[in-house]
Structure formats: structure tokens, C-alpha cells
Amino acid sequence: PRLLYRVSPDGKRTLVRGALFDELDQRAIRSGILAAGGRDYVAQ
């Protein structure tokens, strides 16, 4: 993560640094996605 925000229950966003993701793997994309949005991004 380069721009990662901690989000409180009231919606406040706080930028944080020095983080890594763990357990972001094929299992996560197979059974760990709850929902998807409708705003598409084009990566090239």
C-alpha cells in the first residue's frame, strides 16, 4: 500500500504509512471479496 487510510466508524479518514498487506492471495480473491463497485479503473 502506498496511500492507505484508516477509516473510523464515523467515516473519518486518516492517512497512515509503513504498512504491508498480509494474506492477500488467490484465496482472498476467491472467497474474500464481499462486494464490487460500478466505478471502473483502466490500468494499462
ModelCIF file with pLDDT and N, C-alpha, C, O atoms, coordinates in Angstrom:
data_MODEL
#
_entry.id   MODEL 
#
_entity.id                         1 
_entity.type                       polymer 
_entity.pdbx_number_of_molecules   1 
#
_entity_poly.entity_id                      1 
_entity_poly.type                           'polypeptide(L)' 
_entity_poly.nstd_linkage                   no 
_entity_poly.nstd_monomer                   no 
_entity_poly.pdbx_seq_one_letter_code       PRLLYRVSPDGKRTLVRGALFDELDQRAIRSGILAAGGRDYVAQ 
_entity_poly.pdbx_seq_one_letter_code_can   PRLLYRVSPDGKRTLVRGALFDELDQRAIRSGILAAGGRDYVAQ 
_entity_poly.pdbx_strand_id                 A 
#
loop_
_entity_poly_seq.entity_id 
_entity_poly_seq.num 
_entity_poly_seq.mon_id 
_entity_poly_seq.hetero 
1 1  PRO n 
1 2  ARG n 
1 3  LEU n 
1 4  LEU n 
1 5  TYR n 
1 6  ARG n 
1 7  VAL n 
1 8  SER n 
1 9  PRO n 
1 10 ASP n 
1 11 GLY n 
1 12 LYS n 
1 13 ARG n 
1 14 THR n 
1 15 LEU n 
1 16 VAL n 
1 17 ARG n 
1 18 GLY n 
1 19 ALA n 
1 20 LEU n 
1 21 PHE n 
1 22 ASP n 
1 23 GLU n 
1 24 LEU n 
1 25 ASP n 
1 26 GLN n 
1 27 ARG n 
1 28 ALA n 
1 29 ILE n 
1 30 ARG n 
1 31 SER n 
1 32 GLY n 
1 33 ILE n 
1 34 LEU n 
1 35 ALA n 
1 36 ALA n 
1 37 GLY n 
1 38 GLY n 
1 39 ARG n 
1 40 ASP n 
1 41 TYR n 
1 42 VAL n 
1 43 ALA n 
1 44 GLN n 
#
_struct_asym.id          A 
_struct_asym.entity_id   1 
#
loop_
_ma_qa_metric.id 
_ma_qa_metric.mode 
_ma_qa_metric.name 
_ma_qa_metric.software_group_id 
_ma_qa_metric.type 
1 global pLDDT . pLDDT 
2 local  pLDDT . pLDDT 
#
_ma_qa_metric_global.metric_id      1 
_ma_qa_metric_global.metric_value   96.64 
_ma_qa_metric_global.model_id       1 
_ma_qa_metric_global.ordinal_id     1 
#
loop_
_ma_qa_metric_local.label_asym_id 
_ma_qa_metric_local.label_comp_id 
_ma_qa_metric_local.label_seq_id 
_ma_qa_metric_local.metric_id 
_ma_qa_metric_local.metric_value 
_ma_qa_metric_local.model_id 
_ma_qa_metric_local.ordinal_id 
A PRO 1  2 97.00 1 1  
A ARG 2  2 96.00 1 2  
A LEU 3  2 97.00 1 3  
A LEU 4  2 98.00 1 4  
A TYR 5  2 98.00 1 5  
A ARG 6  2 98.00 1 6  
A VAL 7  2 98.00 1 7  
A SER 8  2 97.00 1 8  
A PRO 9  2 97.00 1 9  
A ASP 10 2 96.00 1 10 
A GLY 11 2 96.00 1 11 
A LYS 12 2 97.00 1 12 
A ARG 13 2 97.00 1 13 
A THR 14 2 98.00 1 14 
A LEU 15 2 98.00 1 15 
A VAL 16 2 98.00 1 16 
A ARG 17 2 97.00 1 17 
A GLY 18 2 95.00 1 18 
A ALA 19 2 96.00 1 19 
A LEU 20 2 96.00 1 20 
A PHE 21 2 97.00 1 21 
A ASP 22 2 94.00 1 22 
A GLU 23 2 93.00 1 23 
A LEU 24 2 96.00 1 24 
A ASP 25 2 97.00 1 25 
A GLN 26 2 97.00 1 26 
A ARG 27 2 97.00 1 27 
A ALA 28 2 97.00 1 28 
A ILE 29 2 98.00 1 29 
A ARG 30 2 97.00 1 30 
A SER 31 2 96.00 1 31 
A GLY 32 2 97.00 1 32 
A ILE 33 2 98.00 1 33 
A LEU 34 2 98.00 1 34 
A ALA 35 2 98.00 1 35 
A ALA 36 2 98.00 1 36 
A GLY 37 2 97.00 1 37 
A GLY 38 2 93.00 1 38 
A ARG 39 2 93.00 1 39 
A ASP 40 2 96.00 1 40 
A TYR 41 2 97.00 1 41 
A VAL 42 2 97.00 1 42 
A ALA 43 2 96.00 1 43 
A GLN 44 2 95.00 1 44 
#
loop_
_atom_site.group_PDB 
_atom_site.id 
_atom_site.type_symbol 
_atom_site.label_atom_id 
_atom_site.label_alt_id 
_atom_site.label_comp_id 
_atom_site.label_asym_id 
_atom_site.label_entity_id 
_atom_site.label_seq_id 
_atom_site.pdbx_PDB_ins_code 
_atom_site.Cartn_x 
_atom_site.Cartn_y 
_atom_site.Cartn_z 
_atom_site.occupancy 
_atom_site.B_iso_or_equiv 
_atom_site.pdbx_formal_charge 
_atom_site.auth_seq_id 
_atom_site.auth_comp_id 
_atom_site.auth_asym_id 
_atom_site.auth_atom_id 
_atom_site.pdbx_PDB_model_num 
ATOM 1   N N  . PRO A 1 1  ? 0.826   -1.221  0.000   1.00 97.00 ? 1  PRO A N  1 
ATOM 2   C CA . PRO A 1 1  ? 0.000   0.000   0.000   1.00 97.00 ? 1  PRO A CA 1 
ATOM 3   C C  . PRO A 1 1  ? 0.852   1.259   0.000   1.00 97.00 ? 1  PRO A C  1 
ATOM 4   O O  . PRO A 1 1  ? 1.806   1.383   0.768   1.00 97.00 ? 1  PRO A O  1 
ATOM 5   N N  . ARG A 1 2  ? 0.488   2.199   -0.884  1.00 96.00 ? 2  ARG A N  1 
ATOM 6   C CA . ARG A 1 2  ? 1.179   3.485   -0.951  1.00 96.00 ? 2  ARG A CA 1 
ATOM 7   C C  . ARG A 1 2  ? 0.343   4.577   -0.282  1.00 96.00 ? 2  ARG A C  1 
ATOM 8   O O  . ARG A 1 2  ? 0.853   5.346   0.533   1.00 96.00 ? 2  ARG A O  1 
ATOM 9   N N  . LEU A 1 3  ? -0.936  4.638   -0.630  1.00 97.00 ? 3  LEU A N  1 
ATOM 10  C CA . LEU A 1 3  ? -1.853  5.556   0.044   1.00 97.00 ? 3  LEU A CA 1 
ATOM 11  C C  . LEU A 1 3  ? -2.908  4.715   0.754   1.00 97.00 ? 3  LEU A C  1 
ATOM 12  O O  . LEU A 1 3  ? -3.850  4.224   0.131   1.00 97.00 ? 3  LEU A O  1 
ATOM 13  N N  . LEU A 1 4  ? -2.740  4.559   2.042   1.00 98.00 ? 4  LEU A N  1 
ATOM 14  C CA . LEU A 1 4  ? -3.620  3.729   2.864   1.00 98.00 ? 4  LEU A CA 1 
ATOM 15  C C  . LEU A 1 4  ? -4.256  4.595   3.940   1.00 98.00 ? 4  LEU A C  1 
ATOM 16  O O  . LEU A 1 4  ? -3.577  5.375   4.608   1.00 98.00 ? 4  LEU A O  1 
ATOM 17  N N  . TYR A 1 5  ? -5.573  4.450   4.102   1.00 98.00 ? 5  TYR A N  1 
ATOM 18  C CA . TYR A 1 5  ? -6.314  5.266   5.070   1.00 98.00 ? 5  TYR A CA 1 
ATOM 19  C C  . TYR A 1 5  ? -6.965  4.374   6.121   1.00 98.00 ? 5  TYR A C  1 
ATOM 20  O O  . TYR A 1 5  ? -7.561  3.343   5.808   1.00 98.00 ? 5  TYR A O  1 
ATOM 21  N N  . ARG A 1 6  ? -6.833  4.795   7.365   1.00 98.00 ? 6  ARG A N  1 
ATOM 22  C CA . ARG A 1 6  ? -7.584  4.173   8.451   1.00 98.00 ? 6  ARG A CA 1 
ATOM 23  C C  . ARG A 1 6  ? -8.911  4.919   8.549   1.00 98.00 ? 6  ARG A C  1 
ATOM 24  O O  . ARG A 1 6  ? -8.935  6.146   8.648   1.00 98.00 ? 6  ARG A O  1 
ATOM 25  N N  . VAL A 1 7  ? -10.004 4.178   8.521   1.00 98.00 ? 7  VAL A N  1 
ATOM 26  C CA . VAL A 1 7  ? -11.338 4.776   8.487   1.00 98.00 ? 7  VAL A CA 1 
ATOM 27  C C  . VAL A 1 7  ? -12.074 4.425   9.784   1.00 98.00 ? 7  VAL A C  1 
ATOM 28  O O  . VAL A 1 7  ? -12.246 3.250   10.108  1.00 98.00 ? 7  VAL A O  1 
ATOM 29  N N  . SER A 1 8  ? -12.500 5.442   10.512  1.00 97.00 ? 8  SER A N  1 
ATOM 30  C CA . SER A 1 8  ? -13.215 5.218   11.772  1.00 97.00 ? 8  SER A CA 1 
ATOM 31  C C  . SER A 1 8  ? -14.691 4.966   11.483  1.00 97.00 ? 8  SER A C  1 
ATOM 32  O O  . SER A 1 8  ? -15.158 5.274   10.387  1.00 97.00 ? 8  SER A O  1 
ATOM 33  N N  . PRO A 1 9  ? -15.434 4.415   12.437  1.00 97.00 ? 9  PRO A N  1 
ATOM 34  C CA . PRO A 1 9  ? -16.859 4.129   12.207  1.00 97.00 ? 9  PRO A CA 1 
ATOM 35  C C  . PRO A 1 9  ? -17.681 5.359   11.838  1.00 97.00 ? 9  PRO A C  1 
ATOM 36  O O  . PRO A 1 9  ? -18.732 5.232   11.211  1.00 97.00 ? 9  PRO A O  1 
ATOM 37  N N  . ASP A 1 10 ? -17.214 6.552   12.217  1.00 96.00 ? 10 ASP A N  1 
ATOM 38  C CA . ASP A 1 10 ? -17.960 7.772   11.859  1.00 96.00 ? 10 ASP A CA 1 
ATOM 39  C C  . ASP A 1 10 ? -17.555 8.314   10.485  1.00 96.00 ? 10 ASP A C  1 
ATOM 40  O O  . ASP A 1 10 ? -18.035 9.369   10.070  1.00 96.00 ? 10 ASP A O  1 
ATOM 41  N N  . GLY A 1 11 ? -16.667 7.591   9.774   1.00 96.00 ? 11 GLY A N  1 
ATOM 42  C CA . GLY A 1 11 ? -16.292 7.971   8.416   1.00 96.00 ? 11 GLY A CA 1 
ATOM 43  C C  . GLY A 1 11 ? -15.039 8.814   8.305   1.00 96.00 ? 11 GLY A C  1 
ATOM 44  O O  . GLY A 1 11 ? -14.642 9.156   7.191   1.00 96.00 ? 11 GLY A O  1 
ATOM 45  N N  . LYS A 1 12 ? -14.400 9.165   9.410   1.00 97.00 ? 12 LYS A N  1 
ATOM 46  C CA . LYS A 1 12 ? -13.176 9.954   9.350   1.00 97.00 ? 12 LYS A CA 1 
ATOM 47  C C  . LYS A 1 12 ? -12.035 9.130   8.771   1.00 97.00 ? 12 LYS A C  1 
ATOM 48  O O  . LYS A 1 12 ? -11.804 7.991   9.180   1.00 97.00 ? 12 LYS A O  1 
ATOM 49  N N  . ARG A 1 13 ? -11.319 9.723   7.809   1.00 97.00 ? 13 ARG A N  1 
ATOM 50  C CA . ARG A 1 13 ? -10.192 9.030   7.185   1.00 97.00 ? 13 ARG A CA 1 
ATOM 51  C C  . ARG A 1 13 ? -8.873  9.623   7.656   1.00 97.00 ? 13 ARG A C  1 
ATOM 52  O O  . ARG A 1 13 ? -8.701  10.841  7.676   1.00 97.00 ? 13 ARG A O  1 
ATOM 53  N N  . THR A 1 14 ? -7.930  8.741   8.040   1.00 98.00 ? 14 THR A N  1 
ATOM 54  C CA . THR A 1 14 ? -6.609  9.171   8.490   1.00 98.00 ? 14 THR A CA 1 
ATOM 55  C C  . THR A 1 14 ? -5.551  8.458   7.666   1.00 98.00 ? 14 THR A C  1 
ATOM 56  O O  . THR A 1 14 ? -5.484  7.228   7.666   1.00 98.00 ? 14 THR A O  1 
ATOM 57  N N  . LEU A 1 15 ? -4.733  9.217   6.971   1.00 98.00 ? 15 LEU A N  1 
ATOM 58  C CA . LEU A 1 15 ? -3.644  8.626   6.180   1.00 98.00 ? 15 LEU A CA 1 
ATOM 59  C C  . LEU A 1 15 ? -2.613  8.015   7.114   1.00 98.00 ? 15 LEU A C  1 
ATOM 60  O O  . LEU A 1 15 ? -2.213  8.638   8.097   1.00 98.00 ? 15 LEU A O  1 
ATOM 61  N N  . VAL A 1 16 ? -2.182  6.792   6.807   1.00 98.00 ? 16 VAL A N  1 
ATOM 62  C CA . VAL A 1 16 ? -1.150  6.122   7.599   1.00 98.00 ? 16 VAL A CA 1 
ATOM 63  C C  . VAL A 1 16 ? -0.051  5.635   6.659   1.00 98.00 ? 16 VAL A C  1 
ATOM 64  O O  . VAL A 1 16 ? -0.246  5.536   5.448   1.00 98.00 ? 16 VAL A O  1 
ATOM 65  N N  . ARG A 1 17 ? 1.101   5.335   7.239   1.00 97.00 ? 17 ARG A N  1 
ATOM 66  C CA . ARG A 1 17 ? 2.235   4.879   6.427   1.00 97.00 ? 17 ARG A CA 1 
ATOM 67  C C  . ARG A 1 17 ? 2.911   3.686   7.087   1.00 97.00 ? 17 ARG A C  1 
ATOM 68  O O  . ARG A 1 17 ? 2.625   3.338   8.233   1.00 97.00 ? 17 ARG A O  1 
ATOM 69  N N  . GLY A 1 18 ? 3.821   3.064   6.326   1.00 95.00 ? 18 GLY A N  1 
ATOM 70  C CA . GLY A 1 18 ? 4.611   1.961   6.878   1.00 95.00 ? 18 GLY A CA 1 
ATOM 71  C C  . GLY A 1 18 ? 3.851   0.661   7.019   1.00 95.00 ? 18 GLY A C  1 
ATOM 72  O O  . GLY A 1 18 ? 4.116   -0.108  7.943   1.00 95.00 ? 18 GLY A O  1 
ATOM 73  N N  . ALA A 1 19 ? 2.892   0.391   6.108   1.00 96.00 ? 19 ALA A N  1 
ATOM 74  C CA . ALA A 1 19 ? 2.071   -0.818  6.230   1.00 96.00 ? 19 ALA A CA 1 
ATOM 75  C C  . ALA A 1 19 ? 2.383   -1.824  5.131   1.00 96.00 ? 19 ALA A C  1 
ATOM 76  O O  . ALA A 1 19 ? 2.876   -1.477  4.057   1.00 96.00 ? 19 ALA A O  1 
ATOM 77  N N  . LEU A 1 20 ? 2.082   -3.067  5.433   1.00 96.00 ? 20 LEU A N  1 
ATOM 78  C CA . LEU A 1 20 ? 2.118   -4.157  4.462   1.00 96.00 ? 20 LEU A CA 1 
ATOM 79  C C  . LEU A 1 20 ? 0.805   -4.916  4.540   1.00 96.00 ? 20 LEU A C  1 
ATOM 80  O O  . LEU A 1 20 ? 0.168   -4.962  5.593   1.00 96.00 ? 20 LEU A O  1 
ATOM 81  N N  . PHE A 1 21 ? 0.397   -5.517  3.415   1.00 97.00 ? 21 PHE A N  1 
ATOM 82  C CA . PHE A 1 21 ? -0.768  -6.394  3.427   1.00 97.00 ? 21 PHE A CA 1 
ATOM 83  C C  . PHE A 1 21 ? -0.315  -7.832  3.676   1.00 97.00 ? 21 PHE A C  1 
ATOM 84  O O  . PHE A 1 21 ? 0.748   -8.259  3.224   1.00 97.00 ? 21 PHE A O  1 
ATOM 85  N N  . ASP A 1 22 ? -1.134  -8.544  4.390   1.00 94.00 ? 22 ASP A N  1 
ATOM 86  C CA . ASP A 1 22 ? -0.881  -9.962  4.665   1.00 94.00 ? 22 ASP A CA 1 
ATOM 87  C C  . ASP A 1 22 ? -2.084  -10.774 4.202   1.00 94.00 ? 22 ASP A C  1 
ATOM 88  O O  . ASP A 1 22 ? -3.223  -10.316 4.291   1.00 94.00 ? 22 ASP A O  1 
ATOM 89  N N  . GLU A 1 23 ? -1.827  -11.977 3.708   1.00 93.00 ? 23 GLU A N  1 
ATOM 90  C CA . GLU A 1 23 ? -2.878  -12.900 3.265   1.00 93.00 ? 23 GLU A CA 1 
ATOM 91  C C  . GLU A 1 23 ? -3.687  -12.347 2.093   1.00 93.00 ? 23 GLU A C  1 
ATOM 92  O O  . GLU A 1 23 ? -4.868  -12.657 1.944   1.00 93.00 ? 23 GLU A O  1 
ATOM 93  N N  . LEU A 1 24 ? -3.046  -11.533 1.270   1.00 96.00 ? 24 LEU A N  1 
ATOM 94  C CA . LEU A 1 24 ? -3.664  -11.061 0.032   1.00 96.00 ? 24 LEU A CA 1 
ATOM 95  C C  . LEU A 1 24 ? -3.186  -12.006 -1.071  1.00 96.00 ? 24 LEU A C  1 
ATOM 96  O O  . LEU A 1 24 ? -2.122  -11.811 -1.659  1.00 96.00 ? 24 LEU A O  1 
ATOM 97  N N  . ASP A 1 25 ? -3.990  -13.026 -1.334  1.00 97.00 ? 25 ASP A N  1 
ATOM 98  C CA . ASP A 1 25 ? -3.565  -14.097 -2.229  1.00 97.00 ? 25 ASP A CA 1 
ATOM 99  C C  . ASP A 1 25 ? -4.752  -14.630 -3.023  1.00 97.00 ? 25 ASP A C  1 
ATOM 100 O O  . ASP A 1 25 ? -5.829  -14.033 -3.012  1.00 97.00 ? 25 ASP A O  1 
ATOM 101 N N  . GLN A 1 26 ? -4.556  -15.753 -3.713  1.00 97.00 ? 26 GLN A N  1 
ATOM 102 C CA . GLN A 1 26 ? -5.649  -16.325 -4.521  1.00 97.00 ? 26 GLN A CA 1 
ATOM 103 C C  . GLN A 1 26 ? -6.847  -16.729 -3.669  1.00 97.00 ? 26 GLN A C  1 
ATOM 104 O O  . GLN A 1 26 ? -7.984  -16.660 -4.135  1.00 97.00 ? 26 GLN A O  1 
ATOM 105 N N  . ARG A 1 27 ? -6.614  -17.141 -2.454  1.00 97.00 ? 27 ARG A N  1 
ATOM 106 C CA . ARG A 1 27 ? -7.747  -17.487 -1.576  1.00 97.00 ? 27 ARG A CA 1 
ATOM 107 C C  . ARG A 1 27 ? -8.584  -16.248 -1.301  1.00 97.00 ? 27 ARG A C  1 
ATOM 108 O O  . ARG A 1 27 ? -9.814  -16.308 -1.278  1.00 97.00 ? 27 ARG A O  1 
ATOM 109 N N  . ALA A 1 28 ? -7.907  -15.123 -1.092  1.00 97.00 ? 28 ALA A N  1 
ATOM 110 C CA . ALA A 1 28 ? -8.625  -13.880 -0.765  1.00 97.00 ? 28 ALA A CA 1 
ATOM 111 C C  . ALA A 1 28 ? -9.510  -13.439 -1.929  1.00 97.00 ? 28 ALA A C  1 
ATOM 112 O O  . ALA A 1 28 ? -10.641 -13.006 -1.711  1.00 97.00 ? 28 ALA A O  1 
ATOM 113 N N  . ILE A 1 29 ? -9.006  -13.543 -3.168  1.00 98.00 ? 29 ILE A N  1 
ATOM 114 C CA . ILE A 1 29 ? -9.845  -13.102 -4.285  1.00 98.00 ? 29 ILE A CA 1 
ATOM 115 C C  . ILE A 1 29 ? -10.901 -14.149 -4.650  1.00 98.00 ? 29 ILE A C  1 
ATOM 116 O O  . ILE A 1 29 ? -11.879 -13.829 -5.327  1.00 98.00 ? 29 ILE A O  1 
ATOM 117 N N  . ARG A 1 30 ? -10.712 -15.389 -4.210  1.00 97.00 ? 30 ARG A N  1 
ATOM 118 C CA . ARG A 1 30 ? -11.720 -16.418 -4.491  1.00 97.00 ? 30 ARG A CA 1 
ATOM 119 C C  . ARG A 1 30 ? -12.907 -16.319 -3.534  1.00 97.00 ? 30 ARG A C  1 
ATOM 120 O O  . ARG A 1 30 ? -14.059 -16.390 -3.962  1.00 97.00 ? 30 ARG A O  1 
ATOM 121 N N  . SER A 1 31 ? -12.631 -16.156 -2.254  1.00 96.00 ? 31 SER A N  1 
ATOM 122 C CA . SER A 1 31 ? -13.721 -16.242 -1.277  1.00 96.00 ? 31 SER A CA 1 
ATOM 123 C C  . SER A 1 31 ? -13.773 -15.073 -0.306  1.00 96.00 ? 31 SER A C  1 
ATOM 124 O O  . SER A 1 31 ? -14.583 -15.075 0.621   1.00 96.00 ? 31 SER A O  1 
ATOM 125 N N  . GLY A 1 32 ? -12.916 -14.072 -0.506  1.00 97.00 ? 32 GLY A N  1 
ATOM 126 C CA . GLY A 1 32 ? -12.864 -12.983 0.459   1.00 97.00 ? 32 GLY A CA 1 
ATOM 127 C C  . GLY A 1 32 ? -13.401 -11.659 -0.025  1.00 97.00 ? 32 GLY A C  1 
ATOM 128 O O  . GLY A 1 32 ? -13.323 -10.670 0.703   1.00 97.00 ? 32 GLY A O  1 
ATOM 129 N N  . ILE A 1 33 ? -13.954 -11.600 -1.247  1.00 98.00 ? 33 ILE A N  1 
ATOM 130 C CA . ILE A 1 33 ? -14.491 -10.336 -1.759  1.00 98.00 ? 33 ILE A CA 1 
ATOM 131 C C  . ILE A 1 33 ? -15.983 -10.260 -1.432  1.00 98.00 ? 33 ILE A C  1 
ATOM 132 O O  . ILE A 1 33 ? -16.766 -11.119 -1.838  1.00 98.00 ? 33 ILE A O  1 
ATOM 133 N N  . LEU A 1 34 ? -16.356 -9.224  -0.696  1.00 98.00 ? 34 LEU A N  1 
ATOM 134 C CA . LEU A 1 34 ? -17.751 -9.067  -0.279  1.00 98.00 ? 34 LEU A CA 1 
ATOM 135 C C  . LEU A 1 34 ? -18.610 -8.389  -1.343  1.00 98.00 ? 34 LEU A C  1 
ATOM 136 O O  . LEU A 1 34 ? -19.765 -8.764  -1.546  1.00 98.00 ? 34 LEU A O  1 
ATOM 137 N N  . ALA A 1 35 ? -18.045 -7.393  -2.019  1.00 98.00 ? 35 ALA A N  1 
ATOM 138 C CA . ALA A 1 35 ? -18.826 -6.604  -2.972  1.00 98.00 ? 35 ALA A CA 1 
ATOM 139 C C  . ALA A 1 35 ? -17.880 -5.908  -3.944  1.00 98.00 ? 35 ALA A C  1 
ATOM 140 O O  . ALA A 1 35 ? -16.682 -5.784  -3.690  1.00 98.00 ? 35 ALA A O  1 
ATOM 141 N N  . ALA A 1 36 ? -18.444 -5.457  -5.059  1.00 98.00 ? 36 ALA A N  1 
ATOM 142 C CA . ALA A 1 36 ? -17.684 -4.710  -6.057  1.00 98.00 ? 36 ALA A CA 1 
ATOM 143 C C  . ALA A 1 36 ? -18.485 -3.492  -6.481  1.00 98.00 ? 36 ALA A C  1 
ATOM 144 O O  . ALA A 1 36 ? -19.716 -3.508  -6.466  1.00 98.00 ? 36 ALA A O  1 
ATOM 145 N N  . GLY A 1 37 ? -17.782 -2.445  -6.858  1.00 97.00 ? 37 GLY A N  1 
ATOM 146 C CA . GLY A 1 37 ? -18.437 -1.201  -7.227  1.00 97.00 ? 37 GLY A CA 1 
ATOM 147 C C  . GLY A 1 37 ? -18.678 -1.091  -8.719  1.00 97.00 ? 37 GLY A C  1 
ATOM 148 O O  . GLY A 1 37 ? -18.373 -2.004  -9.487  1.00 97.00 ? 37 GLY A O  1 
ATOM 149 N N  . GLY A 1 38 ? -19.226 0.034   -9.109  1.00 93.00 ? 38 GLY A N  1 
ATOM 150 C CA . GLY A 1 38 ? -19.536 0.265   -10.509 1.00 93.00 ? 38 GLY A CA 1 
ATOM 151 C C  . GLY A 1 38 ? -18.662 1.308   -11.168 1.00 93.00 ? 38 GLY A C  1 
ATOM 152 O O  . GLY A 1 38 ? -18.872 1.660   -12.329 1.00 93.00 ? 38 GLY A O  1 
ATOM 153 N N  . ARG A 1 39 ? -17.664 1.813   -10.418 1.00 93.00 ? 39 ARG A N  1 
ATOM 154 C CA . ARG A 1 39 ? -16.753 2.813   -10.978 1.00 93.00 ? 39 ARG A CA 1 
ATOM 155 C C  . ARG A 1 39 ? -15.476 2.104   -11.425 1.00 93.00 ? 39 ARG A C  1 
ATOM 156 O O  . ARG A 1 39 ? -14.657 1.709   -10.596 1.00 93.00 ? 39 ARG A O  1 
ATOM 157 N N  . ASP A 1 40 ? -15.312 1.947   -12.731 1.00 96.00 ? 40 ASP A N  1 
ATOM 158 C CA . ASP A 1 40 ? -14.196 1.163   -13.275 1.00 96.00 ? 40 ASP A CA 1 
ATOM 159 C C  . ASP A 1 40 ? -12.943 2.006   -13.421 1.00 96.00 ? 40 ASP A C  1 
ATOM 160 O O  . ASP A 1 40 ? -12.999 3.215   -13.644 1.00 96.00 ? 40 ASP A O  1 
ATOM 161 N N  . TYR A 1 41 ? -11.810 1.327   -13.287 1.00 97.00 ? 41 TYR A N  1 
ATOM 162 C CA . TYR A 1 41 ? -10.500 1.946   -13.492 1.00 97.00 ? 41 TYR A CA 1 
ATOM 163 C C  . TYR A 1 41 ? -9.799  1.196   -14.613 1.00 97.00 ? 41 TYR A C  1 
ATOM 164 O O  . TYR A 1 41 ? -9.855  -0.032  -14.665 1.00 97.00 ? 41 TYR A O  1 
ATOM 165 N N  . VAL A 1 42 ? -9.132  1.927   -15.519 1.00 97.00 ? 42 VAL A N  1 
ATOM 166 C CA . VAL A 1 42 ? -8.418  1.318   -16.638 1.00 97.00 ? 42 VAL A CA 1 
ATOM 167 C C  . VAL A 1 42 ? -6.922  1.365   -16.354 1.00 97.00 ? 42 VAL A C  1 
ATOM 168 O O  . VAL A 1 42 ? -6.320  2.438   -16.318 1.00 97.00 ? 42 VAL A O  1 
ATOM 169 N N  . ALA A 1 43 ? -6.330  0.192   -16.152 1.00 96.00 ? 43 ALA A N  1 
ATOM 170 C CA . ALA A 1 43 ? -4.882  0.084   -15.953 1.00 96.00 ? 43 ALA A CA 1 
ATOM 171 C C  . ALA A 1 43 ? -4.256  -0.403  -17.254 1.00 96.00 ? 43 ALA A C  1 
ATOM 172 O O  . ALA A 1 43 ? -4.753  -1.343  -17.875 1.00 96.00 ? 43 ALA A O  1 
ATOM 173 N N  . GLN A 1 44 ? -3.160  0.240   -17.666 1.00 95.00 ? 44 GLN A N  1 
ATOM 174 C CA . GLN A 1 44 ? -2.564  -0.087  -18.955 1.00 95.00 ? 44 GLN A CA 1 
ATOM 175 C C  . GLN A 1 44 ? -1.054  -0.255  -18.831 1.00 95.00 ? 44 GLN A C  1 
ATOM 176 O O  . GLN A 1 44 ? -0.380  -0.534  -19.822 1.00 95.00 ? 44 GLN A O  1 
#
